[in-house]
C-alpha atoms as a PDB file:
ATOM      1  CA  UNK A   1      -5.187 -24.613  52.372  1.00  0.00           C
ATOM      2  CA  UNK A   2      -4.695 -22.934  48.643  1.00  0.00           C
ATOM      3  CA  UNK A   3      -1.491 -21.344  48.083  1.00  0.00           C
ATOM      4  CA  UNK A   4      -1.127 -17.541  47.136  1.00  0.00           C
ATOM      5  CA  UNK A   5      -0.537 -16.881  43.266  1.00  0.00           C
ATOM      6  CA  UNK A   6       1.207 -13.851  44.258  1.00  0.00           C
ATOM      7  CA  UNK A   7       4.800 -14.454  44.021  1.00  0.00           C
ATOM      8  CA  UNK A   8       6.128 -11.448  45.011  1.00  0.00           C
ATOM      9  CA  UNK A   9       5.649  -7.608  44.726  1.00  0.00           C
ATOM     10  CA  UNK A  10       7.333  -4.753  44.326  1.00  0.00           C
ATOM     11  CA  UNK A  11       7.241  -0.633  43.485  1.00  0.00           C
ATOM     12  CA  UNK A  12       7.035   0.342  39.624  1.00  0.00           C
ATOM     13  CA  UNK A  13      10.484   2.091  38.639  1.00  0.00           C
ATOM     14  CA  UNK A  14      11.276   3.278  35.610  1.00  0.00           C
ATOM     15  CA  UNK A  15      11.791   1.158  33.221  1.00  0.00           C
ATOM     16  CA  UNK A  16       9.936  -1.225  34.881  1.00  0.00           C
ATOM     17  CA  UNK A  17      11.557  -4.914  35.765  1.00  0.00           C
ATOM     18  CA  UNK A  18      10.834  -7.701  33.571  1.00  0.00           C
ATOM     19  CA  UNK A  19      11.733 -11.241  33.335  1.00  0.00           C
ATOM     20  CA  UNK A  20      12.882 -13.536  30.422  1.00  0.00           C
ATOM     21  CA  UNK A  21      12.172 -13.620  27.576  1.00  0.00           C
ATOM     22  CA  UNK A  22      11.213  -9.990  27.947  1.00  0.00           C
ATOM     23  CA  UNK A  23      14.335  -7.355  28.371  1.00  0.00           C
ATOM     24  CA  UNK A  24      12.934  -4.037  29.374  1.00  0.00           C
ATOM     25  CA  UNK A  25       8.960  -2.061  29.467  1.00  0.00           C
ATOM     26  CA  UNK A  26       8.836   1.548  29.960  1.00  0.00           C
ATOM     27  CA  UNK A  27       5.831   3.326  30.188  1.00  0.00           C
ATOM     28  CA  UNK A  28       5.936   6.928  28.771  1.00  0.00           C
ATOM     29  CA  UNK A  29       3.068   9.137  29.409  1.00  0.00           C
ATOM     30  CA  UNK A  30       3.366  12.800  28.412  1.00  0.00           C
ATOM     31  CA  UNK A  31       1.239  15.781  28.945  1.00  0.00           C
ATOM     32  CA  UNK A  32       2.594  17.758  26.249  1.00  0.00           C
ATOM     33  CA  UNK A  33       1.298  21.221  25.276  1.00  0.00           C
ATOM     34  CA  UNK A  34      -0.233  22.210  21.854  1.00  0.00           C
ATOM     35  CA  UNK A  35       1.960  22.229  19.290  1.00  0.00           C
ATOM     36  CA  UNK A  36       3.933  24.423  16.886  1.00  0.00           C
ATOM     37  CA  UNK A  37       4.486  25.055  13.105  1.00  0.00           C
ATOM     38  CA  UNK A  38       7.027  22.706  13.112  1.00  0.00           C
ATOM     39  CA  UNK A  39       5.544  20.166  14.850  1.00  0.00           C
ATOM     40  CA  UNK A  40       7.212  20.667  18.353  1.00  0.00           C
ATOM     41  CA  UNK A  41       6.191  21.691  21.360  1.00  0.00           C
ATOM     42  CA  UNK A  42       4.606  25.392  21.523  1.00  0.00           C
ATOM     43  CA  UNK A  43       6.593  25.963  24.708  1.00  0.00           C
ATOM     44  CA  UNK A  44       9.587  26.843  25.901  1.00  0.00           C
ATOM     45  CA  UNK A  45      12.463  24.534  26.316  1.00  0.00           C
ATOM     46  CA  UNK A  46      14.408  26.442  28.523  1.00  0.00           C
ATOM     47  CA  UNK A  47      16.155  24.297  31.406  1.00  0.00           C
ATOM     48  CA  UNK A  48      16.050  21.000  29.295  1.00  0.00           C
ATOM     49  CA  UNK A  49      19.153  18.919  28.272  1.00  0.00           C
ATOM     50  CA  UNK A  50      18.224  18.705  24.568  1.00  0.00           C
ATOM     51  CA  UNK A  51      19.051  15.620  23.238  1.00  0.00           C
ATOM     52  CA  UNK A  52      18.855  13.906  26.388  1.00  0.00           C
ATOM     53  CA  UNK A  53      15.641  15.414  28.337  1.00  0.00           C
ATOM     54  CA  UNK A  54      13.725  12.933  30.309  1.00  0.00           C
ATOM     55  CA  UNK A  55      13.325  15.537  32.850  1.00  0.00           C
ATOM     56  CA  UNK A  56       9.407  14.874  32.555  1.00  0.00           C
ATOM     57  CA  UNK A  57       8.966  18.775  33.187  1.00  0.00           C
ATOM     58  CA  UNK A  58       5.870  20.108  33.262  1.00  0.00           C
ATOM     59  CA  UNK A  59       4.803  16.451  32.814  1.00  0.00           C
ATOM     60  CA  UNK A  60       6.523  15.778  29.834  1.00  0.00           C
ATOM     61  CA  UNK A  61      10.202  15.024  28.306  1.00  0.00           C
ATOM     62  CA  UNK A  62      11.672  15.695  24.842  1.00  0.00           C
ATOM     63  CA  UNK A  63      13.836  12.410  25.614  1.00  0.00           C
ATOM     64  CA  UNK A  64      16.253  12.489  22.603  1.00  0.00           C
ATOM     65  CA  UNK A  65      14.635  15.063  20.203  1.00  0.00           C
ATOM     66  CA  UNK A  66      15.595  18.164  19.988  1.00  0.00           C
ATOM     67  CA  UNK A  67      12.663  19.847  17.939  1.00  0.00           C
ATOM     68  CA  UNK A  68       9.922  17.147  18.068  1.00  0.00           C
ATOM     69  CA  UNK A  69      10.249  14.783  20.952  1.00  0.00           C
ATOM     70  CA  UNK A  70      11.008  11.288  20.609  1.00  0.00           C
ATOM     71  CA  UNK A  71      13.478   9.110  19.326  1.00  0.00           C
ATOM     72  CA  UNK A  72      15.455  10.451  16.513  1.00  0.00           C
ATOM     73  CA  UNK A  73      17.329   7.317  13.985  1.00  0.00           C
ATOM     74  CA  UNK A  74      19.452   4.612  16.185  1.00  0.00           C
ATOM     75  CA  UNK A  75      20.256   1.065  15.588  1.00  0.00           C
ATOM     76  CA  UNK A  76      19.039  -2.356  17.302  1.00  0.00           C
ATOM     77  CA  UNK A  77      20.256  -5.843  16.758  1.00  0.00           C
ATOM     78  CA  UNK A  78      19.187  -9.256  18.383  1.00  0.00           C
ATOM     79  CA  UNK A  79      15.822  -8.333  19.602  1.00  0.00           C
ATOM     80  CA  UNK A  80      12.398  -7.253  19.100  1.00  0.00           C
ATOM     81  CA  UNK A  81      10.312  -3.745  20.267  1.00  0.00           C
ATOM     82  CA  UNK A  82       6.824  -4.035  20.680  1.00  0.00           C
ATOM     83  CA  UNK A  83       5.372  -0.521  20.597  1.00  0.00           C
ATOM     84  CA  UNK A  84       1.897  -0.114  22.093  1.00  0.00           C
ATOM     85  CA  UNK A  85       0.472   3.402  21.640  1.00  0.00           C
ATOM     86  CA  UNK A  86      -2.715   4.357  23.621  1.00  0.00           C
ATOM     87  CA  UNK A  87      -3.536   8.034  23.164  1.00  0.00           C
ATOM     88  CA  UNK A  88      -1.366  10.108  20.830  1.00  0.00           C
ATOM     89  CA  UNK A  89       0.831   9.240  17.789  1.00  0.00           C
ATOM     90  CA  UNK A  90       4.359   8.027  16.992  1.00  0.00           C
ATOM     91  CA  UNK A  91       5.877   8.666  13.314  1.00  0.00           C
ATOM     92  CA  UNK A  92       8.126   5.839  12.057  1.00  0.00           C
ATOM     93  CA  UNK A  93      10.600   5.494   9.928  1.00  0.00           C
ATOM     94  CA  UNK A  94      13.571   2.757   9.520  1.00  0.00           C
ATOM     95  CA  UNK A  95      16.379   1.541   7.120  1.00  0.00           C
ATOM     96  CA  UNK A  96      14.320  -0.639   5.552  1.00  0.00           C
ATOM     97  CA  UNK A  97      12.245   1.961   3.667  1.00  0.00           C
ATOM     98  CA  UNK A  98       9.232   1.917   6.184  1.00  0.00           C
ATOM     99  CA  UNK A  99       7.379   4.569   7.232  1.00  0.00           C
ATOM    100  CA  UNK A 100       4.295   4.544   9.306  1.00  0.00           C
ATOM    101  CA  UNK A 101       1.918   6.785  11.384  1.00  0.00           C
ATOM    102  CA  UNK A 102      -0.096   4.779  14.558  1.00  0.00           C
ATOM    103  CA  UNK A 103      -1.652   5.135  17.718  1.00  0.00           C
ATOM    104  CA  UNK A 104      -4.911   5.565  19.618  1.00  0.00           C
ATOM    105  CA  UNK A 105      -4.595   1.547  20.509  1.00  0.00           C
ATOM    106  CA  UNK A 106      -2.434   0.263  17.674  1.00  0.00           C
ATOM    107  CA  UNK A 107       0.824  -1.683  18.426  1.00  0.00           C
ATOM    108  CA  UNK A 108       4.189  -1.593  16.405  1.00  0.00           C
ATOM    109  CA  UNK A 109       6.163  -4.781  16.334  1.00  0.00           C
ATOM    110  CA  UNK A 110       9.680  -5.024  15.091  1.00  0.00           C
ATOM    111  CA  UNK A 111      11.942  -7.417  14.856  1.00  0.00           C
ATOM    112  CA  UNK A 112      15.595  -6.217  14.906  1.00  0.00           C
ATOM    113  CA  UNK A 113      17.188  -9.317  14.272  1.00  0.00           C
ATOM    114  CA  UNK A 114      20.287  -8.897  12.379  1.00  0.00           C
ATOM    115  CA  UNK A 115      19.923  -5.123  12.257  1.00  0.00           C
ATOM    116  CA  UNK A 116      17.591  -2.685  12.002  1.00  0.00           C
ATOM    117  CA  UNK A 117      17.906   1.172  12.588  1.00  0.00           C
ATOM    118  CA  UNK A 118      14.714   3.242  13.069  1.00  0.00           C
ATOM    119  CA  UNK A 119      13.364   6.514  14.614  1.00  0.00           C
ATOM    120  CA  UNK A 120      10.220   6.984  16.626  1.00  0.00           C
ATOM    121  CA  UNK A 121       8.837  10.525  16.497  1.00  0.00           C
ATOM    122  CA  UNK A 122       6.078  12.244  18.514  1.00  0.00           C
ATOM    123  CA  UNK A 123       4.422  14.720  16.134  1.00  0.00           C
ATOM    124  CA  UNK A 124       2.684  16.807  18.586  1.00  0.00           C
ATOM    125  CA  UNK A 125      -0.342  17.790  15.754  1.00  0.00           C
ATOM    126  CA  UNK A 126      -2.516  19.587  17.659  1.00  0.00           C
ATOM    127  CA  UNK A 127      -1.686  23.814  17.861  1.00  0.00           C
ATOM    128  CA  UNK A 128      -4.992  24.695  19.358  1.00  0.00           C
ATOM    129  CA  UNK A 129      -5.090  21.731  21.784  1.00  0.00           C
ATOM    130  CA  UNK A 130      -3.001  19.672  24.090  1.00  0.00           C
ATOM    131  CA  UNK A 131      -1.523  16.751  22.833  1.00  0.00           C
ATOM    132  CA  UNK A 132      -0.985  14.061  25.272  1.00  0.00           C
ATOM    133  CA  UNK A 133       0.933  10.801  24.676  1.00  0.00           C
ATOM    134  CA  UNK A 134       1.170   7.266  26.390  1.00  0.00           C
ATOM    135  CA  UNK A 135       2.830   4.352  25.420  1.00  0.00           C
ATOM    136  CA  UNK A 136       4.030   1.828  26.589  1.00  0.00           C
ATOM    137  CA  UNK A 137       7.142   0.146  24.845  1.00  0.00           C
ATOM    138  CA  UNK A 138       8.537  -3.662  25.442  1.00  0.00           C
ATOM    139  CA  UNK A 139      11.635  -5.434  24.067  1.00  0.00           C
ATOM    140  CA  UNK A 140      11.264  -9.117  23.748  1.00  0.00           C
ATOM    141  CA  UNK A 141      14.359 -10.864  23.350  1.00  0.00           C
ATOM    142  CA  UNK A 142      15.436 -13.096  20.810  1.00  0.00           C
ATOM    143  CA  UNK A 143      16.526 -16.835  20.923  1.00  0.00           C
ATOM    144  CA  UNK A 144      19.959 -17.357  19.494  1.00  0.00           C
ATOM    145  CA  UNK A 145      18.560 -19.322  16.360  1.00  0.00           C
ATOM    146  CA  UNK A 146      16.999 -15.763  15.401  1.00  0.00           C
ATOM    147  CA  UNK A 147      19.232 -12.968  16.050  1.00  0.00           C
ATOM    148  CA  UNK A 148      20.715 -12.912  12.803  1.00  0.00           C
ATOM    149  CA  UNK A 149      17.178 -13.242  10.860  1.00  0.00           C
ATOM    150  CA  UNK A 150      16.290 -10.787   8.587  1.00  0.00           C
ATOM    151  CA  UNK A 151      14.486  -7.502  10.165  1.00  0.00           C
ATOM    152  CA  UNK A 152      10.973  -7.772  10.265  1.00  0.00           C
ATOM    153  CA  UNK A 153       7.820  -4.625  10.157  1.00  0.00           C
ATOM    154  CA  UNK A 154       4.745  -5.322  11.544  1.00  0.00           C
ATOM    155  CA  UNK A 155       1.395  -3.088  12.555  1.00  0.00           C
ATOM    156  CA  UNK A 156      -0.942  -4.320  14.351  1.00  0.00           C
ATOM    157  CA  UNK A 157      -4.049  -2.056  14.113  1.00  0.00           C
ATOM    158  CA  UNK A 158      -6.478  -0.966  17.056  1.00  0.00           C
ATOM    159  CA  UNK A 159      -9.196  -2.127  14.560  1.00  0.00           C
ATOM    160  CA  UNK A 160      -7.797  -5.450  14.381  1.00  0.00           C
ATOM    161  CA  UNK A 161      -6.712  -6.550  17.991  1.00  0.00           C
ATOM    162  CA  UNK A 162      -8.401  -9.091  19.227  1.00  0.00           C
ATOM    163  CA  UNK A 163     -10.493  -7.743  23.008  1.00  0.00           C
ATOM    164  CA  UNK A 164     -11.992  -9.472  25.441  1.00  0.00           C
ATOM    165  CA  UNK A 165     -15.191  -7.819  27.526  1.00  0.00           C
ATOM    166  CA  UNK A 166     -16.277  -9.506  30.698  1.00  0.00           C
ATOM    167  CA  UNK A 167     -19.532  -8.829  32.585  1.00  0.00           C
ATOM    168  CA  UNK A 168     -19.398  -9.973  36.250  1.00  0.00           C
ATOM    169  CA  UNK A 169     -22.681 -10.850  37.663  1.00  0.00           C
ATOM    170  CA  UNK A 170     -23.363  -7.252  38.454  1.00  0.00           C
ATOM    171  CA  UNK A 171     -22.307  -5.717  35.143  1.00  0.00           C
ATOM    172  CA  UNK A 172     -19.044  -4.454  35.695  1.00  0.00           C
ATOM    173  CA  UNK A 173     -16.814  -4.614  32.618  1.00  0.00           C
ATOM    174  CA  UNK A 174     -13.278  -6.248  32.413  1.00  0.00           C
ATOM    175  CA  UNK A 175     -12.127  -5.071  28.923  1.00  0.00           C
ATOM    176  CA  UNK A 176      -8.578  -7.256  27.759  1.00  0.00           C
ATOM    177  CA  UNK A 177      -6.862  -6.385  24.382  1.00  0.00           C
ATOM    178  CA  UNK A 178      -4.539  -8.977  23.281  1.00  0.00           C
ATOM    179  CA  UNK A 179      -1.909  -7.831  21.794  1.00  0.00           C
ATOM    180  CA  UNK A 180      -0.040 -11.243  21.434  1.00  0.00           C
ATOM    181  CA  UNK A 181      -1.210 -14.798  23.551  1.00  0.00           C
ATOM    182  CA  UNK A 182      -4.433 -16.816  23.388  1.00  0.00           C
ATOM    183  CA  UNK A 183      -6.965 -15.604  25.725  1.00  0.00           C
ATOM    184  CA  UNK A 184     -10.499 -17.993  26.008  1.00  0.00           C
ATOM    185  CA  UNK A 185     -13.318 -15.839  24.952  1.00  0.00           C
ATOM    186  CA  UNK A 186     -11.375 -13.700  22.887  1.00  0.00           C
ATOM    187  CA  UNK A 187     -10.851 -13.696  18.994  1.00  0.00           C
ATOM    188  CA  UNK A 188      -7.626 -15.456  17.683  1.00  0.00           C
ATOM    189  CA  UNK A 189      -4.613 -13.235  18.290  1.00  0.00           C
ATOM    190  CA  UNK A 190      -2.818 -11.918  15.262  1.00  0.00           C
ATOM    191  CA  UNK A 191       0.163 -13.420  14.154  1.00  0.00           C
ATOM    192  CA  UNK A 192       3.428 -11.926  15.942  1.00  0.00           C
ATOM    193  CA  UNK A 193       7.010 -11.680  13.372  1.00  0.00           C
ATOM    194  CA  UNK A 194       7.572 -15.073  11.956  1.00  0.00           C
ATOM    195  CA  UNK A 195      11.065 -15.232  13.968  1.00  0.00           C
ATOM    196  CA  UNK A 196       9.610 -13.899  16.756  1.00  0.00           C
ATOM    197  CA  UNK A 197       9.763 -15.887  19.864  1.00  0.00           C
ATOM    198  CA  UNK A 198       6.287 -15.705  20.576  1.00  0.00           C
ATOM    199  CA  UNK A 199       5.414 -17.442  17.233  1.00  0.00           C
ATOM    200  CA  UNK A 200       6.992 -20.893  18.937  1.00  0.00           C
ATOM    201  CA  UNK A 201       3.810 -22.331  20.083  1.00  0.00           C
ATOM    202  CA  UNK A 202       5.843 -23.392  23.445  1.00  0.00           C
ATOM    203  CA  UNK A 203       6.908 -20.056  24.341  1.00  0.00           C
ATOM    204  CA  UNK A 204       3.469 -19.068  25.742  1.00  0.00           C
ATOM    205  CA  UNK A 205       3.648 -15.454  25.565  1.00  0.00           C
ATOM    206  CA  UNK A 206       1.079 -13.102  25.921  1.00  0.00           C
ATOM    207  CA  UNK A 207       1.047  -9.642  26.138  1.00  0.00           C
ATOM    208  CA  UNK A 208      -2.518  -7.958  27.195  1.00  0.00           C
ATOM    209  CA  UNK A 209      -3.513  -4.739  28.698  1.00  0.00           C
ATOM    210  CA  UNK A 210      -6.270  -4.642  31.166  1.00  0.00           C
ATOM    211  CA  UNK A 211      -8.565  -1.820  31.849  1.00  0.00           C
ATOM    212  CA  UNK A 212     -11.388  -3.048  35.190  1.00  0.00           C
ATOM    213  CA  UNK A 213     -14.270  -0.304  35.732  1.00  0.00           C
ATOM    214  CA  UNK A 214     -14.662  -0.136  39.519  1.00  0.00           C
ATOM    215  CA  UNK A 215     -15.573  -3.221  41.401  1.00  0.00           C
ATOM    216  CA  UNK A 216     -15.249  -5.237  38.461  1.00  0.00           C
ATOM    217  CA  UNK A 217     -13.909  -9.080  39.532  1.00  0.00           C
ATOM    218  CA  UNK A 218     -12.242 -11.487  36.389  1.00  0.00           C
ATOM    219  CA  UNK A 219     -10.916 -14.614  36.641  1.00  0.00           C
ATOM    220  CA  UNK A 220      -7.182 -14.720  34.739  1.00  0.00           C
ATOM    221  CA  UNK A 221      -6.834 -17.641  33.787  1.00  0.00           C
ATOM    222  CA  UNK A 222      -3.802 -19.591  33.920  1.00  0.00           C
ATOM    223  CA  UNK A 223      -0.967 -19.860  31.416  1.00  0.00           C
ATOM    224  CA  UNK A 224      -0.583 -22.700  29.331  1.00  0.00           C
ATOM    225  CA  UNK A 225       2.969 -23.455  29.429  1.00  0.00           C
ATOM    226  CA  UNK A 226       4.849 -25.212  31.872  1.00  0.00           C
ATOM    227  CA  UNK A 227       7.838 -22.994  33.135  1.00  0.00           C
ATOM    228  CA  UNK A 228       6.048 -19.893  32.036  1.00  0.00           C
ATOM    229  CA  UNK A 229       6.706 -16.594  33.800  1.00  0.00           C
ATOM    230  CA  UNK A 230       4.185 -14.016  34.243  1.00  0.00           C
ATOM    231  CA  UNK A 231       4.139 -10.379  35.680  1.00  0.00           C
ATOM    232  CA  UNK A 232       0.868  -8.279  36.235  1.00  0.00           C
ATOM    233  CA  UNK A 233       1.888  -4.493  36.463  1.00  0.00           C
ATOM    234  CA  UNK A 234      -0.409  -2.259  38.093  1.00  0.00           C
ATOM    235  CA  UNK A 235      -0.279   0.997  36.823  1.00  0.00           C
ATOM    236  CA  UNK A 236      -3.088   2.923  37.087  1.00  0.00           C
ATOM    237  CA  UNK A 237      -5.716   2.765  39.709  1.00  0.00           C
ATOM    238  CA  UNK A 238      -5.766   2.970  43.426  1.00  0.00           C
ATOM    239  CA  UNK A 239      -6.141  -0.508  44.949  1.00  0.00           C
ATOM    240  CA  UNK A 240      -7.085  -3.893  43.780  1.00  0.00           C
ATOM    241  CA  UNK A 241      -7.437  -7.270  45.288  1.00  0.00           C
ATOM    242  CA  UNK A 242      -5.131 -10.105  43.643  1.00  0.00           C
ATOM    243  CA  UNK A 243      -5.872 -13.510  44.784  1.00  0.00           C
ATOM    244  CA  UNK A 244      -7.769 -12.863  47.986  1.00  0.00           C
ATOM    245  CA  UNK A 245      -4.685  -9.752  48.447  1.00  0.00           C
ATOM    246  CA  UNK A 246      -4.861  -6.489  48.591  1.00  0.00           C
ATOM    247  CA  UNK A 247      -2.343  -4.194  46.429  1.00  0.00           C
ATOM    248  CA  UNK A 248      -2.017  -0.936  46.256  1.00  0.00           C
ATOM    249  CA  UNK A 249      -1.840   1.056  42.763  1.00  0.00           C
ATOM    250  CA  UNK A 250       1.760   1.611  41.329  1.00  0.00           C
ATOM    251  CA  UNK A 251       2.982  -1.912  42.079  1.00  0.00           C
ATOM    252  CA  UNK A 252       4.620  -5.232  39.812  1.00  0.00           C
ATOM    253  CA  UNK A 253       2.973  -8.456  40.864  1.00  0.00           C
ATOM    254  CA  UNK A 254       4.554 -11.628  39.825  1.00  0.00           C
ATOM    255  CA  UNK A 255       2.189 -14.384  39.894  1.00  0.00           C
ATOM    256  CA  UNK A 256       2.351 -18.346  39.544  1.00  0.00           C
ATOM    257  CA  UNK A 257       1.470 -18.544  35.921  1.00  0.00           C
ATOM    258  CA  UNK A 258      -0.299 -22.042  36.606  1.00  0.00           C
ATOM    259  CA  UNK A 259      -3.121 -20.491  38.728  1.00  0.00           C
ATOM    260  CA  UNK A 260      -6.059 -19.110  37.937  1.00  0.00           C
ATOM    261  CA  UNK A 261      -6.280 -15.569  39.768  1.00  0.00           C
ATOM    262  CA  UNK A 262      -9.267 -13.335  41.051  1.00  0.00           C
ATOM    263  CA  UNK A 263      -9.208 -10.167  40.530  1.00  0.00           C
ATOM    264  CA  UNK A 264     -11.539  -7.669  42.419  1.00  0.00           C
ATOM    265  CA  UNK A 265     -11.228  -4.028  41.520  1.00  0.00           C
ATOM    266  CA  UNK A 266     -11.660  -1.139  44.183  1.00  0.00           C
ATOM    267  CA  UNK A 267     -14.064   1.921  43.811  1.00  0.00           C
ATOM    268  CA  UNK A 268     -11.637   3.296  41.097  1.00  0.00           C
ATOM    269  CA  UNK A 269     -10.974   2.805  37.064  1.00  0.00           C
ATOM    270  CA  UNK A 270      -7.633   0.433  37.292  1.00  0.00           C
ATOM    271  CA  UNK A 271      -5.476  -0.599  34.419  1.00  0.00           C
ATOM    272  CA  UNK A 272      -2.659  -3.492  34.299  1.00  0.00           C
ATOM    273  CA  UNK A 273      -0.398  -4.622  31.604  1.00  0.00           C
ATOM    274  CA  UNK A 274       0.383  -8.220  31.577  1.00  0.00           C
ATOM    275  CA  UNK A 275       3.397  -9.652  30.209  1.00  0.00           C
ATOM    276  CA  UNK A 276       4.009 -13.449  30.185  1.00  0.00           C
ATOM    277  CA  UNK A 277       6.351 -16.225  28.789  1.00  0.00           C
ATOM    278  CA  UNK A 278       8.195 -19.167  28.816  1.00  0.00           C
ATOM    279  CA  UNK A 279      12.270 -18.436  29.383  1.00  0.00           C
ATOM    280  CA  UNK A 280      14.230 -18.250  26.143  1.00  0.00           C
ATOM    281  CA  UNK A 281      16.971 -19.536  29.158  1.00  0.00           C
ATOM    282  CA  UNK A 282      20.169 -18.617  26.745  1.00  0.00           C
ATOM    283  CA  UNK A 283      23.146 -15.849  28.196  1.00  0.00           C
ATOM    284  CA  UNK A 284      22.863 -12.191  27.751  1.00  0.00           C
ATOM    285  CA  UNK A 285      25.131  -9.592  26.462  1.00  0.00           C
ATOM    286  CA  UNK A 286      23.660  -6.077  26.287  1.00  0.00           C
ATOM    287  CA  UNK A 287      25.351  -3.299  25.418  1.00  0.00           C
ATOM    288  CA  UNK A 288      23.048  -0.343  24.924  1.00  0.00           C
ATOM    289  CA  UNK A 289      20.610  -1.122  22.005  1.00  0.00           C
ATOM    290  CA  UNK A 290      22.354  -4.080  20.946  1.00  0.00           C
ATOM    291  CA  UNK A 291      21.289  -8.129  22.486  1.00  0.00           C
ATOM    292  CA  UNK A 292      22.952 -10.922  21.764  1.00  0.00           C
ATOM    293  CA  UNK A 293      24.712 -14.240  24.119  1.00  0.00           C
ATOM    294  CA  UNK A 294      28.100 -13.477  24.208  1.00  0.00           C
ATOM    295  CA  UNK A 295      30.561 -10.174  24.803  1.00  0.00           C
ATOM    296  CA  UNK A 296      32.237 -11.510  21.072  1.00  0.00           C
ATOM    297  CA  UNK A 297      28.977 -11.377  19.769  1.00  0.00           C
ATOM    298  CA  UNK A 298      28.409  -7.854  20.886  1.00  0.00           C
ATOM    299  CA  UNK A 299      31.743  -6.394  19.413  1.00  0.00           C
ATOM    300  CA  UNK A 300      30.962  -8.010  15.957  1.00  0.00           C
ATOM    301  CA  UNK A 301      27.869  -5.973  16.154  1.00  0.00           C
ATOM    302  CA  UNK A 302      29.655  -2.965  16.849  1.00  0.00           C
ATOM    303  CA  UNK A 303      31.886  -3.898  14.096  1.00  0.00           C
ATOM    304  CA  UNK A 304      29.215  -4.594  11.737  1.00  0.00           C
ATOM    305  CA  UNK A 305      27.327  -1.383  12.441  1.00  0.00           C
ATOM    306  CA  UNK A 306      30.400   0.709  12.204  1.00  0.00           C
ATOM    307  CA  UNK A 307      30.808  -0.773   8.762  1.00  0.00           C
ATOM    308  CA  UNK A 308      27.326  -1.367   7.115  1.00  0.00           C
ATOM    309  CA  UNK A 309      25.275   1.107   9.248  1.00  0.00           C
ATOM    310  CA  UNK A 310      22.284  -1.726   8.677  1.00  0.00           C
ATOM    311  CA  UNK A 311      21.877  -1.092   5.157  1.00  0.00           C
ATOM    312  CA  UNK A 312      22.107   2.864   5.959  1.00  0.00           C
ATOM    313  CA  UNK A 313      19.438   5.871   6.378  1.00  0.00           C
ATOM    314  CA  UNK A 314      17.318   6.610   3.657  1.00  0.00           C
ATOM    315  CA  UNK A 315      15.717   9.164   5.104  1.00  0.00           C
ATOM    316  CA  UNK A 316      16.440  12.944   4.425  1.00  0.00           C
ATOM    317  CA  UNK A 317      16.352  13.844   8.380  1.00  0.00           C
ATOM    318  CA  UNK A 318      17.209  11.644  11.368  1.00  0.00           C
ATOM    319  CA  UNK A 319      13.728  12.451  13.127  1.00  0.00           C
ATOM    320  CA  UNK A 320      11.569  12.355  10.207  1.00  0.00           C
ATOM    321  CA  UNK A 321       7.842  13.580  10.653  1.00  0.00           C
ATOM    322  CA  UNK A 322       5.065  12.687   8.180  1.00  0.00           C
ATOM    323  CA  UNK A 323       3.402  16.118   7.661  1.00  0.00           C
ATOM    324  CA  UNK A 324       0.691  18.081   9.279  1.00  0.00           C
ATOM    325  CA  UNK A 325      -2.497  16.490   7.110  1.00  0.00           C
ATOM    326  CA  UNK A 326      -1.478  12.850   7.394  1.00  0.00           C
ATOM    327  CA  UNK A 327      -3.642   9.808   8.993  1.00  0.00           C
ATOM    328  CA  UNK A 328      -2.485   6.551  10.032  1.00  0.00           C
ATOM    329  CA  UNK A 329      -0.640   4.662   7.430  1.00  0.00           C
ATOM    330  CA  UNK A 330       2.365   1.828   7.177  1.00  0.00           C
ATOM    331  CA  UNK A 331       3.846   2.033   4.098  1.00  0.00           C
ATOM    332  CA  UNK A 332       6.425  -1.428   3.977  1.00  0.00           C
ATOM    333  CA  UNK A 333       9.930  -1.736   2.330  1.00  0.00           C
ATOM    334  CA  UNK A 334       8.203  -3.734  -0.310  1.00  0.00           C
ATOM    335  CA  UNK A 335       6.435  -0.411  -0.957  1.00  0.00           C
ATOM    336  CA  UNK A 336       2.546  -1.958   0.014  1.00  0.00           C
ATOM    337  CA  UNK A 337       0.475   0.671   1.754  1.00  0.00           C
ATOM    338  CA  UNK A 338      -1.518  -0.251   4.676  1.00  0.00           C
ATOM    339  CA  UNK A 339      -4.249   1.368   6.616  1.00  0.00           C
ATOM    340  CA  UNK A 340      -6.459   0.673   9.443  1.00  0.00           C
ATOM    341  CA  UNK A 341      -9.449  -1.052   8.828  1.00  0.00           C
END
């Protein structure tokens, strides 16, 4: 008798549970209202702990923003952030001098490495309509050999991200966006940053988003690497069958990575995020935005940040916004300008 591909399930919390090589995953889904002249919400902020507002009051949060929602300048060392924006826009600025406005399916991949300071602000550009924002932020660990690598800024524009559109025998579609990892039938993935664990062939890292039409069937291929761990986050939809087992929405599903898995959707559109990778298998010492291998390295990181500010902050504001008439763009640390398409 074949064994179930499901190792276990668990309700999704905040943040979502992850496994080595991933450190953290959060799904931000904010129903921001109309914007004001300062790109903040045209709504009262009374009752919010401004600068620390994770309340989801009225369906949205200010997070650490005071005027514009988002995350003003803060440091990282020893890991990578992968930010997938599904709706809305993010304004990025960092201590390398890089800047970007991205959204609508774009992904930013930032290797913090030896240290970077960045801001991630959510400007509410529309003053005559709502400004919904939805994104995933994923923290991917770096192995010890790469923790002090130079910081690296990469944009993966939506127009270039490989996608697989599978139609089952009844014509119902499953669409998979391939942020990282090989997927048969999709174009080769865009290269991750050079010092990333995902750049190591044996790491078998994959980051996919899945959208299944009502009733759609799709066979998810087995992972390639021995020892790979695979987590499927069923975050939107009513019910889906995974390997023949019915799963209600808003669940983490840990899968046997070496098995092909049959997905059969229910009667409502379903969406999932997949994270997989071979564990790095090294000790993890974490203090807030710093992730190293030992507590001594954390102490050194804190001393380094106090001394150097990881290169300083070249912006006049801790929460920069790039204006109201600017489209999606990226400016790299070397001054190179990049636009999607």
